[in-house]
Protein backbone atom coordinates (compact mmCIF):
# COMPACT_ATOMS: atom_id res chain seq x y z
CA MET A 1 87.48 109.87 108.99
CA ASN A 2 85.23 109.86 112.02
CA ALA A 3 85.76 113.16 113.70
CA PRO A 4 82.58 114.65 114.79
CA THR A 5 82.39 119.06 115.13
CA VAL A 6 81.57 120.46 118.10
CA ALA A 7 78.25 121.94 116.74
CA GLU A 8 77.33 118.49 115.46
CA LEU A 9 77.54 117.24 119.08
CA VAL A 10 75.62 120.50 120.49
CA ALA A 11 72.71 119.71 118.06
CA LYS A 12 72.23 116.17 119.56
CA GLY A 13 72.34 117.57 123.20
CA GLU A 14 75.97 116.14 124.08
CA THR A 15 79.16 117.98 124.59
CA PRO A 16 82.60 116.53 123.67
CA GLU A 17 84.94 115.02 126.59
CA ILE A 18 87.79 116.44 124.79
CA LEU A 19 87.87 119.28 121.91
CA PHE A 20 91.21 118.79 119.22
CA TRP A 21 92.25 121.60 118.05
CA VAL A 22 93.70 121.07 114.77
CA GLY A 23 95.86 124.10 114.16
CA CYS A 24 96.18 126.00 110.64
CA ALA A 25 99.48 123.49 110.14
CA GLY A 26 97.46 120.33 110.85
CA SER A 27 94.52 121.39 108.18
CA PHE A 28 96.52 122.85 105.54
CA ASP A 29 99.82 121.61 105.36
CA ASP A 30 99.65 118.19 103.27
CA ARG A 31 102.51 116.83 105.56
CA ALA A 32 100.69 117.97 108.93
CA LYS A 33 97.38 116.27 107.72
CA ARG A 34 99.03 112.67 108.01
CA VAL A 35 99.90 113.75 111.65
CA THR A 36 95.82 115.20 112.32
CA GLN A 37 94.85 111.67 110.98
CA ALA A 38 96.94 109.46 112.84
CA PHE A 39 96.01 111.52 115.77
CA VAL A 40 92.29 110.88 115.10
CA LYS A 41 92.87 106.94 114.35
CA ILE A 42 94.50 106.94 117.88
CA LEU A 43 91.16 108.82 119.27
CA ASN A 44 88.61 106.48 117.80
CA ALA A 45 90.60 103.59 118.86
CA VAL A 46 90.60 104.34 122.35
CA ASN A 47 86.98 105.81 122.13
CA ILE A 48 87.77 108.97 123.56
CA LYS A 49 84.72 111.44 123.04
CA PHE A 50 86.41 114.38 121.23
CA ALA A 51 85.21 116.62 118.49
CA VAL A 52 86.77 119.40 116.55
CA LEU A 53 85.71 122.82 115.94
CA GLY A 54 85.61 122.30 111.89
CA THR A 55 85.49 125.53 110.01
CA GLU A 56 84.50 127.65 113.01
CA GLU A 57 88.21 127.32 114.18
CA THR A 58 90.51 129.98 113.61
CA CYS A 59 94.14 130.64 113.71
CA THR A 60 95.49 131.13 117.65
CA GLY A 61 97.27 133.73 116.98
CA ASP A 62 100.68 132.83 117.64
CA PRO A 63 102.54 133.72 114.42
CA ALA A 64 100.77 137.48 114.77
CA ARG A 65 102.43 137.98 118.49
CA ARG A 66 105.59 136.57 117.80
CA ALA A 67 106.03 138.68 114.99
CA GLY A 68 104.74 141.96 116.38
CA ASN A 69 101.22 142.54 115.47
CA GLU A 70 99.95 142.67 119.05
CA PHE A 71 96.14 143.96 117.76
CA LEU A 72 96.12 141.00 114.90
CA PHE A 73 96.70 138.37 117.71
CA GLN A 74 93.80 140.00 120.45
CA MET A 75 91.34 139.84 117.36
CA GLN A 76 91.68 136.61 116.52
CA ALA A 77 92.22 135.12 120.19
CA MET A 78 89.35 137.04 121.53
CA SER A 79 86.70 135.28 118.41
CA ASN A 80 88.37 131.90 119.21
CA ILE A 81 87.67 132.53 123.05
CA GLN A 82 83.85 133.66 122.18
CA VAL A 83 83.80 130.34 120.34
CA LEU A 84 85.14 128.00 122.78
CA ASN A 85 83.17 129.53 125.59
CA GLY A 86 80.18 129.62 123.75
CA TYR A 87 79.83 126.06 123.66
CA GLY A 88 81.37 125.63 127.06
CA ILE A 89 84.37 124.08 126.32
CA LYS A 90 86.47 122.81 129.24
CA LYS A 91 89.64 120.41 128.05
CA ILE A 92 91.50 120.96 124.65
CA VAL A 93 94.18 119.10 123.55
CA THR A 94 96.20 120.11 120.22
CA ALA A 95 99.43 118.20 118.52
CA CYS A 96 101.34 121.75 117.89
CA PRO A 97 103.10 123.26 120.64
CA HIS A 98 102.71 126.58 119.42
CA CYS A 99 98.93 126.37 119.60
CA PHE A 100 99.60 124.80 122.81
CA ASN A 101 101.44 127.58 124.63
CA THR A 102 99.00 130.16 123.24
CA LEU A 103 95.94 128.64 124.47
CA LYS A 104 97.80 127.72 127.54
CA ASN A 105 99.41 130.66 129.04
CA GLU A 106 98.18 133.40 126.92
CA TYR A 107 94.12 132.83 126.30
CA PRO A 108 93.79 133.37 130.26
CA GLU A 109 94.55 136.93 130.10
CA LEU A 110 91.90 137.52 127.56
CA GLY A 111 89.28 135.38 129.53
CA GLY A 112 89.87 131.96 127.85
CA ASN A 113 90.76 129.60 130.86
CA TYR A 114 90.84 125.63 129.47
CA GLU A 115 92.85 122.47 130.49
CA VAL A 116 95.32 122.28 127.49
CA VAL A 117 97.16 119.31 127.24
CA HIS A 118 99.73 118.84 123.78
CA HIS A 119 98.72 115.51 122.17
CA THR A 120 102.31 113.87 123.77
CA THR A 121 100.89 114.28 127.41
CA LEU A 122 97.90 112.79 126.47
CA LEU A 123 99.88 109.60 124.23
CA GLN A 124 101.40 109.23 127.40
CA GLN A 125 99.18 109.27 129.77
CA LEU A 126 96.75 106.79 127.53
CA ILE A 127 99.73 104.53 127.59
CA ASN A 128 99.78 104.22 131.33
CA GLU A 129 96.38 103.83 131.70
CA GLY A 130 96.95 100.78 129.35
CA LYS A 131 93.84 102.15 126.70
CA ILE A 132 96.45 102.44 124.02
CA LYS A 133 97.95 98.66 123.54
CA MET A 134 100.88 98.23 121.07
CA THR A 135 101.48 95.12 118.96
CA GLU A 136 104.11 92.65 120.42
CA GLY A 137 107.70 93.37 119.01
CA GLY A 138 106.39 96.26 116.50
CA SER A 139 107.87 97.53 113.73
CA PHE A 140 110.30 100.11 115.66
CA LYS A 141 111.24 97.40 118.03
CA GLY A 142 115.10 97.87 118.55
CA LYS A 143 115.46 100.55 115.68
CA LYS A 144 117.46 103.59 116.58
CA ILE A 145 115.32 106.71 117.18
CA THR A 146 116.36 109.96 117.96
CA TYR A 147 113.74 112.92 119.43
CA HIS A 148 114.07 116.27 118.58
CA ASP A 149 112.93 118.54 121.63
CA SER A 150 110.40 121.90 120.69
CA CYS A 151 111.08 124.54 122.03
CA TYR A 152 107.55 125.64 122.94
CA LEU A 153 107.00 122.14 124.19
CA GLY A 154 110.55 121.46 126.37
CA ARG A 155 112.27 124.74 127.30
CA ALA A 156 108.52 127.19 127.24
CA ASN A 157 106.48 124.39 128.74
CA ASN A 158 108.91 122.17 130.61
CA ILE A 159 107.82 118.90 128.65
CA TYR A 160 110.99 116.65 128.27
CA GLU A 161 109.73 113.25 129.54
CA ALA A 162 106.31 112.79 128.28
CA PRO A 163 107.41 112.23 124.32
CA ARG A 164 110.48 110.08 125.80
CA GLU A 165 108.13 108.01 127.57
CA VAL A 166 105.92 107.48 125.33
CA LEU A 167 108.99 106.56 122.42
CA LYS A 168 110.11 104.16 125.08
CA ALA A 169 106.78 102.53 124.63
CA LEU A 170 107.40 101.69 121.19
CA ASP A 171 110.34 99.71 122.41
CA ALA A 172 112.83 101.53 120.12
CA ASP A 173 116.24 102.21 120.96
CA LEU A 174 116.13 105.63 121.86
CA VAL A 175 119.19 108.12 120.97
CA GLU A 176 119.89 111.30 122.12
CA MET A 177 121.42 114.39 120.55
CA LYS A 178 124.41 116.01 121.85
CA ARG A 179 122.15 118.74 122.37
CA SER A 180 118.64 117.86 123.50
CA ARG A 181 116.23 118.50 126.92
CA THR A 182 116.79 122.11 128.44
CA THR A 183 120.03 122.23 126.13
CA GLY A 184 117.97 121.27 123.24
CA LEU A 185 118.53 122.86 119.57
CA CYS A 186 115.98 124.99 117.97
CA CYS A 187 114.80 123.91 114.56
CA GLY A 188 114.74 127.43 113.29
CA ALA A 189 110.79 127.98 112.84
CA GLY A 190 109.94 129.68 116.10
CA GLY A 191 109.16 132.97 116.43
CA ALA A 192 107.30 133.47 113.81
CA GLN A 193 110.81 132.64 111.33
CA MET A 194 108.61 129.95 109.77
CA PHE A 195 106.92 132.71 107.59
CA LYS A 196 110.17 134.70 106.29
CA GLU A 197 113.50 134.16 104.90
CA PRO A 198 116.50 133.53 106.95
CA GLU A 199 118.69 136.48 107.85
CA LYS A 200 122.37 136.55 106.39
CA GLY A 201 124.74 133.82 107.97
CA ASN A 202 127.41 130.95 107.81
CA LYS A 203 124.70 127.96 107.90
CA GLU A 204 120.83 127.76 108.21
CA ILE A 205 119.54 126.57 111.87
CA ASN A 206 117.62 123.63 110.01
CA ILE A 207 120.77 122.45 108.44
CA VAL A 208 122.60 122.36 112.08
CA ARG A 209 119.54 120.22 113.85
CA THR A 210 119.54 118.05 110.94
CA GLU A 211 123.39 117.50 111.56
CA ASP A 212 123.04 116.78 115.17
CA ALA A 213 120.21 114.07 114.30
CA LEU A 214 122.63 112.63 111.58
CA ALA A 215 125.86 112.25 114.15
CA THR A 216 123.03 109.98 116.32
CA GLY A 217 123.26 107.44 113.65
CA ALA A 218 118.99 107.08 114.29
CA THR A 219 116.79 105.83 111.12
CA THR A 220 113.67 107.94 112.73
CA VAL A 221 113.66 111.37 113.90
CA ALA A 222 110.76 111.53 116.14
CA VAL A 223 109.07 115.07 116.22
CA ALA A 224 106.14 116.92 118.11
CA CYS A 225 105.49 120.04 115.98
CA PRO A 226 104.53 120.30 112.70
CA PHE A 227 107.20 123.76 112.43
CA CYS A 228 109.58 120.62 113.51
CA MET A 229 108.41 118.61 111.10
CA THR A 230 109.34 120.63 108.30
CA MET A 231 112.40 122.02 108.64
CA ILE A 232 114.19 118.77 109.73
CA THR A 233 112.27 117.54 106.67
CA ASP A 234 113.84 120.21 104.49
CA GLY A 235 117.22 119.70 106.64
CA MET A 236 117.18 115.41 105.48
CA LYS A 237 116.29 116.98 101.98
CA ASN A 238 119.07 119.13 101.91
CA LYS A 239 121.64 116.47 102.79
CA GLU A 240 120.09 114.28 100.68
CA LYS A 241 119.06 111.91 103.41
CA GLU A 242 114.78 112.18 102.79
CA ASP A 243 114.89 108.13 101.21
CA GLU A 244 116.81 106.46 104.55
CA ILE A 245 116.00 109.04 107.49
CA LYS A 246 112.31 109.37 108.19
CA VAL A 247 110.97 112.53 110.07
CA LYS A 248 107.66 111.26 111.88
CA ASP A 249 105.31 112.47 114.65
CA LEU A 250 104.99 110.97 117.92
CA ALA A 251 101.30 110.47 116.75
CA GLU A 252 101.87 108.65 113.82
CA LEU A 253 104.56 106.35 115.38
CA ILE A 254 101.90 105.03 118.03
CA ALA A 255 99.29 105.12 114.94
CA GLU A 256 101.58 102.60 113.13
CA SER A 257 102.37 100.39 116.32
CA LEU A 258 98.58 100.01 117.63
């Protein structure tokens, strides 16, 4: 994979146009790694001068803060801000809404001020500018796709249209779930729930959300978050639908259609 580190570019006297913040899931989770690879493929295809931090990137601190460990969050955030400011980073793109929200809205109070964009917004811009060109009559033409709104992208940051515009570019038949946009339902992983067992109840949230997706009759569920990816995929396995219905990140759908 052609993904230079910021340190390598700086050693050559160059600076990246954009820093790709990979995030913990995109670095270590086997399923999310494929999203990282797809996004890097797109960035290379459109000749964007980007770089990653590599081993200098650590967790943004989002799970620590959501779980109530403010001290750990501030330690992790300050460490990252030191690295980012040391390299003079101005613009960051990330495929994780949790990283996006934390870097964009919570780092400024600690001295980390950057232009932070989610990968769906960048993909929409690249499509609108004509830099991403799809193959005519691609593999998704006329296929039913439904989109699950990530809480940290939708309700927390009001990004609803960019992911849908990207899906429309695929020529797919976008079918909405009953609960979508501002009334979308959480996948069940937010607020650090990802890392603990659910409380007792009648049904797990991700199963309820999977049922919402199945009710649309779509053959692909598009997501834009590694947590949502895990939860909806687990829901499909629970319903024994994982072979019929694919859960894919928007970057993967675009990379397949280039």
